[in-house]
Amino acid sequence: MAGQSDAQASTFSAAELEFLAEDELIEIVPNLRMDPLNLICGDFGPFRPQIATQVPIWLAVALKKRGKCAIRPPDWMSVEKLTQVLEAERDAEKFQPLPFHYVEISRLLFDHARDDIPDIYMVRSLIEDIKDVRFHKIGTGLEIISKERTYALRLKNLSAMEANIVRPFVTRALETFYKLSSPDMIQDSDSVQNRQHQTVNRGPRRQLKDR
């Protein structure tokens, strides 16, 4: 039970990852005139009609819901770029570089800025295909870890969601490998084997006969 609760504590929920992703910057095109906003996370604006500016995603979504702006999807969400990433993911063993929160950002834009995304159905399909290919790579990597003893692991270009899924398994696996290879564990194992060997070679015991 304790191990299970520790594993759950080390992961984030989908809602928590989405909350973290909302601080990423994205470009909007306002249709209002407004002075700069001085927020704890930074200053944004001034806002002028039809002049693009960058704001956190949470602010872009809030303005979009009120009809105060259009959201410009990031460059990596174009059909051309996603097609290139998908082909590279299929051809290479390494993970292709994508924004750390690419899953959460795309989900937020699909939910709140559908009309601002060109070829949205193709974009959604490509992102799902990329996720599937990357998950297959993760599964293959975890299978290798389960069969081979290792003390360190480098996974480059994982996204937040992917790292969140992998972390508990990898952490437990590396901890197990470390414990099995620790000097104390090896010494205890040798002691047990020596005692077993002495017991086997002690020879037959004399049986006491009743007088």
C-alpha atoms as a PDB file:
ATOM      1  CA  MET A   1       0.000   0.000   0.000  1.00  0.00           C
ATOM      2  CA  ALA A   2       2.804   2.394   0.894  1.00  0.00           C
ATOM      3  CA  GLY A   3       4.563   1.773  -2.426  1.00  0.00           C
ATOM      4  CA  GLN A   4       1.336   2.342  -4.300  1.00  0.00           C
ATOM      5  CA  SER A   5       0.638   5.648  -2.500  1.00  0.00           C
ATOM      6  CA  ASP A   6       4.227   6.813  -3.106  1.00  0.00           C
ATOM      7  CA  ALA A   7       3.860   6.090  -6.832  1.00  0.00           C
ATOM      8  CA  GLN A   8       0.586   7.991  -6.992  1.00  0.00           C
ATOM      9  CA  ALA A   9       2.099  10.924  -5.090  1.00  0.00           C
ATOM     10  CA  SER A  10       4.940  11.184  -7.635  1.00  0.00           C
ATOM     11  CA  THR A  11       2.574  11.671 -10.587  1.00  0.00           C
ATOM     12  CA  PHE A  12       0.335  14.522 -11.704  1.00  0.00           C
ATOM     13  CA  SER A  13      -3.246  14.267 -12.841  1.00  0.00           C
ATOM     14  CA  ALA A  14      -4.225  15.375 -16.351  1.00  0.00           C
ATOM     15  CA  ALA A  15      -5.900  18.459 -14.864  1.00  0.00           C
ATOM     16  CA  GLU A  16      -2.722  19.394 -12.959  1.00  0.00           C
ATOM     17  CA  LEU A  17      -0.568  19.076 -16.074  1.00  0.00           C
ATOM     18  CA  GLU A  18      -3.047  21.216 -17.996  1.00  0.00           C
ATOM     19  CA  PHE A  19      -2.924  23.829 -15.226  1.00  0.00           C
ATOM     20  CA  LEU A  20       0.879  23.991 -15.527  1.00  0.00           C
ATOM     21  CA  ALA A  21       0.653  24.239 -19.316  1.00  0.00           C
ATOM     22  CA  GLU A  22      -1.615  27.283 -19.091  1.00  0.00           C
ATOM     23  CA  ASP A  23       1.402  29.406 -18.117  1.00  0.00           C
ATOM     24  CA  GLU A  24       3.023  28.812 -21.519  1.00  0.00           C
ATOM     25  CA  LEU A  25       2.989  31.837 -23.818  1.00  0.00           C
ATOM     26  CA  ILE A  26       0.942  31.964 -26.978  1.00  0.00           C
ATOM     27  CA  GLU A  27       0.237  34.649 -29.570  1.00  0.00           C
ATOM     28  CA  ILE A  28      -3.132  36.328 -29.827  1.00  0.00           C
ATOM     29  CA  VAL A  29      -4.618  38.984 -32.088  1.00  0.00           C
ATOM     30  CA  PRO A  30      -6.812  41.266 -29.934  1.00  0.00           C
ATOM     31  CA  ASN A  31      -9.863  43.085 -31.244  1.00  0.00           C
ATOM     32  CA  LEU A  32      -9.926  45.518 -28.309  1.00  0.00           C
ATOM     33  CA  ARG A  33      -7.855  48.381 -27.001  1.00  0.00           C
ATOM     34  CA  MET A  34      -6.560  47.885 -23.462  1.00  0.00           C
ATOM     35  CA  ASP A  35      -3.677  49.106 -21.325  1.00  0.00           C
ATOM     36  CA  PRO A  36      -0.952  46.661 -20.218  1.00  0.00           C
ATOM     37  CA  LEU A  37      -1.856  44.109 -17.569  1.00  0.00           C
ATOM     38  CA  ASN A  38       0.582  44.013 -14.657  1.00  0.00           C
ATOM     39  CA  LEU A  39       0.318  40.501 -13.274  1.00  0.00           C
ATOM     40  CA  ILE A  40       2.346  38.470 -10.801  1.00  0.00           C
ATOM     41  CA  CYS A  41       3.659  36.323 -13.647  1.00  0.00           C
ATOM     42  CA  GLY A  42       4.672  39.358 -15.733  1.00  0.00           C
ATOM     43  CA  ASP A  43       3.440  42.341 -17.713  1.00  0.00           C
ATOM     44  CA  PHE A  44       1.405  41.771 -20.864  1.00  0.00           C
ATOM     45  CA  GLY A  45       0.178  44.256 -23.413  1.00  0.00           C
ATOM     46  CA  PRO A  46      -0.694  46.949 -24.296  1.00  0.00           C
ATOM     47  CA  PHE A  47      -3.440  45.437 -26.424  1.00  0.00           C
ATOM     48  CA  ARG A  48      -4.288  47.053 -29.746  1.00  0.00           C
ATOM     49  CA  PRO A  49      -6.768  45.768 -32.371  1.00  0.00           C
ATOM     50  CA  GLN A  50      -5.199  43.495 -35.011  1.00  0.00           C
ATOM     51  CA  ILE A  51      -1.714  43.777 -33.491  1.00  0.00           C
ATOM     52  CA  ALA A  52      -0.397  40.392 -32.337  1.00  0.00           C
ATOM     53  CA  THR A  53       1.005  40.022 -28.836  1.00  0.00           C
ATOM     54  CA  GLN A  54       2.014  37.186 -26.528  1.00  0.00           C
ATOM     55  CA  VAL A  55       0.137  36.227 -23.368  1.00  0.00           C
ATOM     56  CA  PRO A  56      -0.147  33.136 -21.161  1.00  0.00           C
ATOM     57  CA  ILE A  57      -2.549  30.526 -22.493  1.00  0.00           C
ATOM     58  CA  TRP A  58      -4.914  30.988 -19.543  1.00  0.00           C
ATOM     59  CA  LEU A  59      -5.262  34.691 -20.416  1.00  0.00           C
ATOM     60  CA  ALA A  60      -5.671  33.917 -24.124  1.00  0.00           C
ATOM     61  CA  VAL A  61      -8.462  31.449 -23.322  1.00  0.00           C
ATOM     62  CA  ALA A  62     -10.171  33.963 -21.010  1.00  0.00           C
ATOM     63  CA  LEU A  63     -10.115  36.655 -23.715  1.00  0.00           C
ATOM     64  CA  LYS A  64     -11.201  34.170 -26.376  1.00  0.00           C
ATOM     65  CA  LYS A  65     -14.234  33.114 -24.333  1.00  0.00           C
ATOM     66  CA  ARG A  66     -15.287  36.766 -24.179  1.00  0.00           C
ATOM     67  CA  GLY A  67     -14.803  37.239 -27.919  1.00  0.00           C
ATOM     68  CA  LYS A  68     -11.938  39.682 -27.360  1.00  0.00           C
ATOM     69  CA  CYS A  69      -9.234  37.991 -29.445  1.00  0.00           C
ATOM     70  CA  ALA A  70      -8.264  35.288 -31.895  1.00  0.00           C
ATOM     71  CA  ILE A  71      -5.600  32.785 -30.925  1.00  0.00           C
ATOM     72  CA  ARG A  72      -2.755  31.980 -33.293  1.00  0.00           C
ATOM     73  CA  PRO A  73      -1.773  28.317 -33.040  1.00  0.00           C
ATOM     74  CA  PRO A  74       1.976  27.799 -32.532  1.00  0.00           C
ATOM     75  CA  ASP A  75       4.080  26.968 -35.582  1.00  0.00           C
ATOM     76  CA  TRP A  76       4.566  23.346 -34.521  1.00  0.00           C
ATOM     77  CA  MET A  77       0.795  22.763 -34.795  1.00  0.00           C
ATOM     78  CA  SER A  78       0.752  23.172 -38.567  1.00  0.00           C
ATOM     79  CA  VAL A  79      -0.008  20.120 -40.715  1.00  0.00           C
ATOM     80  CA  GLU A  80       3.366  20.423 -42.427  1.00  0.00           C
ATOM     81  CA  LYS A  81       5.397  20.497 -39.204  1.00  0.00           C
ATOM     82  CA  LEU A  82       3.400  17.703 -37.549  1.00  0.00           C
ATOM     83  CA  THR A  83       3.771  15.513 -40.639  1.00  0.00           C
ATOM     84  CA  GLN A  84       7.538  15.988 -40.506  1.00  0.00           C
ATOM     85  CA  VAL A  85       7.605  15.120 -36.807  1.00  0.00           C
ATOM     86  CA  LEU A  86       5.498  12.003 -37.334  1.00  0.00           C
ATOM     87  CA  GLU A  87       7.739  10.719 -40.138  1.00  0.00           C
ATOM     88  CA  ALA A  88      10.851  11.384 -38.049  1.00  0.00           C
ATOM     89  CA  GLU A  89       9.336   9.637 -35.021  1.00  0.00           C
ATOM     90  CA  ARG A  90       8.647   6.547 -37.120  1.00  0.00           C
ATOM     91  CA  ASP A  91      12.105   6.483 -38.698  1.00  0.00           C
ATOM     92  CA  ALA A  92      14.282   7.240 -35.644  1.00  0.00           C
ATOM     93  CA  GLU A  93      14.700   5.554 -32.272  1.00  0.00           C
ATOM     94  CA  LYS A  94      15.100   8.878 -30.483  1.00  0.00           C
ATOM     95  CA  PHE A  95      12.189  11.101 -29.494  1.00  0.00           C
ATOM     96  CA  GLN A  96      11.748  14.166 -31.664  1.00  0.00           C
ATOM     97  CA  PRO A  97      11.822  17.583 -29.963  1.00  0.00           C
ATOM     98  CA  LEU A  98       8.352  18.908 -29.194  1.00  0.00           C
ATOM     99  CA  PRO A  99       7.125  21.461 -26.646  1.00  0.00           C
ATOM    100  CA  PHE A 100       7.181  19.979 -23.139  1.00  0.00           C
ATOM    101  CA  HIS A 101       3.414  20.508 -22.841  1.00  0.00           C
ATOM    102  CA  TYR A 102       2.490  19.755 -26.454  1.00  0.00           C
ATOM    103  CA  VAL A 103      -0.323  17.408 -25.408  1.00  0.00           C
ATOM    104  CA  GLU A 104      -1.879  19.851 -22.943  1.00  0.00           C
ATOM    105  CA  ILE A 105      -1.473  22.887 -25.224  1.00  0.00           C
ATOM    106  CA  SER A 106      -3.109  21.126 -28.165  1.00  0.00           C
ATOM    107  CA  ARG A 107      -5.967  19.933 -25.955  1.00  0.00           C
ATOM    108  CA  LEU A 108      -6.586  23.455 -24.643  1.00  0.00           C
ATOM    109  CA  LEU A 109      -6.652  24.888 -28.163  1.00  0.00           C
ATOM    110  CA  PHE A 110      -8.911  22.101 -29.435  1.00  0.00           C
ATOM    111  CA  ASP A 111     -11.323  22.875 -26.614  1.00  0.00           C
ATOM    112  CA  HIS A 112     -11.292  26.684 -26.743  1.00  0.00           C
ATOM    113  CA  ALA A 113      -9.980  27.827 -30.151  1.00  0.00           C
ATOM    114  CA  ARG A 114     -11.296  25.342 -32.693  1.00  0.00           C
ATOM    115  CA  ASP A 115     -12.157  28.068 -35.197  1.00  0.00           C
ATOM    116  CA  ASP A 116      -8.596  29.444 -35.048  1.00  0.00           C
ATOM    117  CA  ILE A 117      -6.878  26.165 -36.044  1.00  0.00           C
ATOM    118  CA  PRO A 118      -6.590  25.515 -39.808  1.00  0.00           C
ATOM    119  CA  ASP A 119      -7.234  21.876 -40.784  1.00  0.00           C
ATOM    120  CA  ILE A 120      -8.133  21.055 -37.194  1.00  0.00           C
ATOM    121  CA  TYR A 121      -9.176  17.462 -37.902  1.00  0.00           C
ATOM    122  CA  MET A 122      -5.905  16.701 -39.666  1.00  0.00           C
ATOM    123  CA  VAL A 123      -3.945  18.414 -36.894  1.00  0.00           C
ATOM    124  CA  ARG A 124      -5.765  16.394 -34.234  1.00  0.00           C
ATOM    125  CA  SER A 125      -5.179  13.150 -36.147  1.00  0.00           C
ATOM    126  CA  LEU A 126      -1.470  13.842 -36.597  1.00  0.00           C
ATOM    127  CA  ILE A 127      -0.990  14.633 -32.909  1.00  0.00           C
ATOM    128  CA  GLU A 128      -2.753  11.398 -31.933  1.00  0.00           C
ATOM    129  CA  ASP A 129      -0.531   9.443 -34.335  1.00  0.00           C
ATOM    130  CA  ILE A 130       2.578  11.085 -32.887  1.00  0.00           C
ATOM    131  CA  LYS A 131       1.440  10.195 -29.361  1.00  0.00           C
ATOM    132  CA  ASP A 132       0.890   6.569 -30.390  1.00  0.00           C
ATOM    133  CA  VAL A 133       4.346   6.242 -31.961  1.00  0.00           C
ATOM    134  CA  ARG A 134       6.027   7.825 -28.952  1.00  0.00           C
ATOM    135  CA  PHE A 135       4.123   5.591 -26.519  1.00  0.00           C
ATOM    136  CA  HIS A 136       5.285   2.577 -28.492  1.00  0.00           C
ATOM    137  CA  LYS A 137       8.874   3.766 -28.052  1.00  0.00           C
ATOM    138  CA  ILE A 138       8.285   4.239 -24.340  1.00  0.00           C
ATOM    139  CA  GLY A 139       6.871   0.729 -24.039  1.00  0.00           C
ATOM    140  CA  THR A 140       9.887  -0.706 -25.850  1.00  0.00           C
ATOM    141  CA  GLY A 141      12.245   1.214 -23.571  1.00  0.00           C
ATOM    142  CA  LEU A 142      10.489   0.047 -20.419  1.00  0.00           C
ATOM    143  CA  GLU A 143      10.658  -3.538 -21.653  1.00  0.00           C
ATOM    144  CA  ILE A 144      14.421  -3.201 -22.050  1.00  0.00           C
ATOM    145  CA  ILE A 145      14.716  -1.767 -18.528  1.00  0.00           C
ATOM    146  CA  SER A 146      12.752  -4.681 -17.084  1.00  0.00           C
ATOM    147  CA  LYS A 147      15.161  -7.175 -18.678  1.00  0.00           C
ATOM    148  CA  GLU A 148      18.506  -5.455 -18.180  1.00  0.00           C
ATOM    149  CA  ARG A 149      20.032  -4.107 -14.983  1.00  0.00           C
ATOM    150  CA  THR A 150      20.916  -0.432 -15.227  1.00  0.00           C
ATOM    151  CA  TYR A 151      21.753   2.356 -12.785  1.00  0.00           C
ATOM    152  CA  ALA A 152      20.907   5.442 -14.835  1.00  0.00           C
ATOM    153  CA  LEU A 153      18.565   6.261 -17.643  1.00  0.00           C
ATOM    154  CA  ARG A 154      18.460   9.243 -19.986  1.00  0.00           C
ATOM    155  CA  LEU A 155      15.215   9.930 -21.782  1.00  0.00           C
ATOM    156  CA  LYS A 156      15.562  13.041 -23.909  1.00  0.00           C
ATOM    157  CA  ASN A 157      12.695  15.076 -25.369  1.00  0.00           C
ATOM    158  CA  LEU A 158       9.929  13.424 -23.335  1.00  0.00           C
ATOM    159  CA  SER A 159       6.848  15.576 -22.857  1.00  0.00           C
ATOM    160  CA  ALA A 160       5.264  16.327 -19.492  1.00  0.00           C
ATOM    161  CA  MET A 161       2.569  13.690 -19.942  1.00  0.00           C
ATOM    162  CA  GLU A 162       5.033  11.042 -21.104  1.00  0.00           C
ATOM    163  CA  ALA A 163       7.453  11.730 -18.272  1.00  0.00           C
ATOM    164  CA  ASN A 164       4.543  11.630 -15.841  1.00  0.00           C
ATOM    165  CA  ILE A 165       3.622   8.129 -17.028  1.00  0.00           C
ATOM    166  CA  VAL A 166       7.180   6.782 -17.102  1.00  0.00           C
ATOM    167  CA  ARG A 167       8.466   8.256 -13.830  1.00  0.00           C
ATOM    168  CA  PRO A 168       6.882   5.852 -11.285  1.00  0.00           C
ATOM    169  CA  PHE A 169       7.950   2.685 -13.130  1.00  0.00           C
ATOM    170  CA  VAL A 170      11.498   3.888 -13.826  1.00  0.00           C
ATOM    171  CA  THR A 171      11.944   5.116 -10.263  1.00  0.00           C
ATOM    172  CA  ARG A 172      10.875   1.785  -8.768  1.00  0.00           C
ATOM    173  CA  ALA A 173      12.989  -0.182 -11.259  1.00  0.00           C
ATOM    174  CA  LEU A 174      16.162   1.819 -10.596  1.00  0.00           C
ATOM    175  CA  GLU A 175      15.633   1.639  -6.839  1.00  0.00           C
ATOM    176  CA  THR A 176      15.253  -2.142  -7.062  1.00  0.00           C
ATOM    177  CA  PHE A 177      18.394  -2.509  -9.176  1.00  0.00           C
ATOM    178  CA  TYR A 178      20.319  -0.326  -6.725  1.00  0.00           C
ATOM    179  CA  LYS A 179      19.197  -2.318  -3.695  1.00  0.00           C
ATOM    180  CA  LEU A 180      20.008  -5.642  -5.342  1.00  0.00           C
ATOM    181  CA  SER A 181      23.497  -4.403  -6.206  1.00  0.00           C
ATOM    182  CA  SER A 182      24.320  -2.651  -2.929  1.00  0.00           C
ATOM    183  CA  PRO A 183      27.313  -4.021  -0.921  1.00  0.00           C
ATOM    184  CA  ASP A 184      25.107  -4.806   2.080  1.00  0.00           C
ATOM    185  CA  MET A 185      22.730  -6.828  -0.060  1.00  0.00           C
ATOM    186  CA  ILE A 186      25.600  -8.714  -1.717  1.00  0.00           C
ATOM    187  CA  GLN A 187      27.238  -9.394   1.667  1.00  0.00           C
ATOM    188  CA  ASP A 188      23.971 -10.677   3.141  1.00  0.00           C
ATOM    189  CA  SER A 189      23.457 -12.893   0.102  1.00  0.00           C
ATOM    190  CA  ASP A 190      26.980 -14.322   0.437  1.00  0.00           C
ATOM    191  CA  SER A 191      26.412 -14.978   4.134  1.00  0.00           C
ATOM    192  CA  VAL A 192      23.210 -16.887   3.419  1.00  0.00           C
ATOM    193  CA  GLN A 193      24.939 -18.967   0.761  1.00  0.00           C
ATOM    194  CA  ASN A 194      27.854 -19.748   3.115  1.00  0.00           C
ATOM    195  CA  ARG A 195      25.504 -20.862   5.870  1.00  0.00           C
ATOM    196  CA  GLN A 196      23.614 -23.061   3.454  1.00  0.00           C
ATOM    197  CA  HIS A 197      26.910 -24.572   2.254  1.00  0.00           C
ATOM    198  CA  GLN A 198      28.058 -25.287   5.827  1.00  0.00           C
ATOM    199  CA  THR A 199      24.751 -26.950   6.634  1.00  0.00           C
ATOM    200  CA  VAL A 200      24.970 -29.187   3.600  1.00  0.00           C
ATOM    201  CA  ASN A 201      28.599 -30.206   4.298  1.00  0.00           C
ATOM    202  CA  ARG A 202      28.189 -30.774   8.019  1.00  0.00           C
ATOM    203  CA  GLY A 203      27.762 -34.501   7.462  1.00  0.00           C
ATOM    204  CA  PRO A 204      25.190 -36.903   8.873  1.00  0.00           C
ATOM    205  CA  ARG A 205      24.107 -36.287  12.452  1.00  0.00           C
ATOM    206  CA  ARG A 206      24.517 -39.029  15.029  1.00  0.00           C
ATOM    207  CA  GLN A 207      21.313 -40.458  16.266  1.00  0.00           C
ATOM    208  CA  LEU A 208      21.071 -40.913  20.021  1.00  0.00           C
ATOM    209  CA  LYS A 209      19.788 -44.303  20.977  1.00  0.00           C
ATOM    210  CA  ASP A 210      17.705 -44.812  24.030  1.00  0.00           C
ATOM    211  CA  ARG A 211      19.445 -46.880  26.677  1.00  0.00           C
END
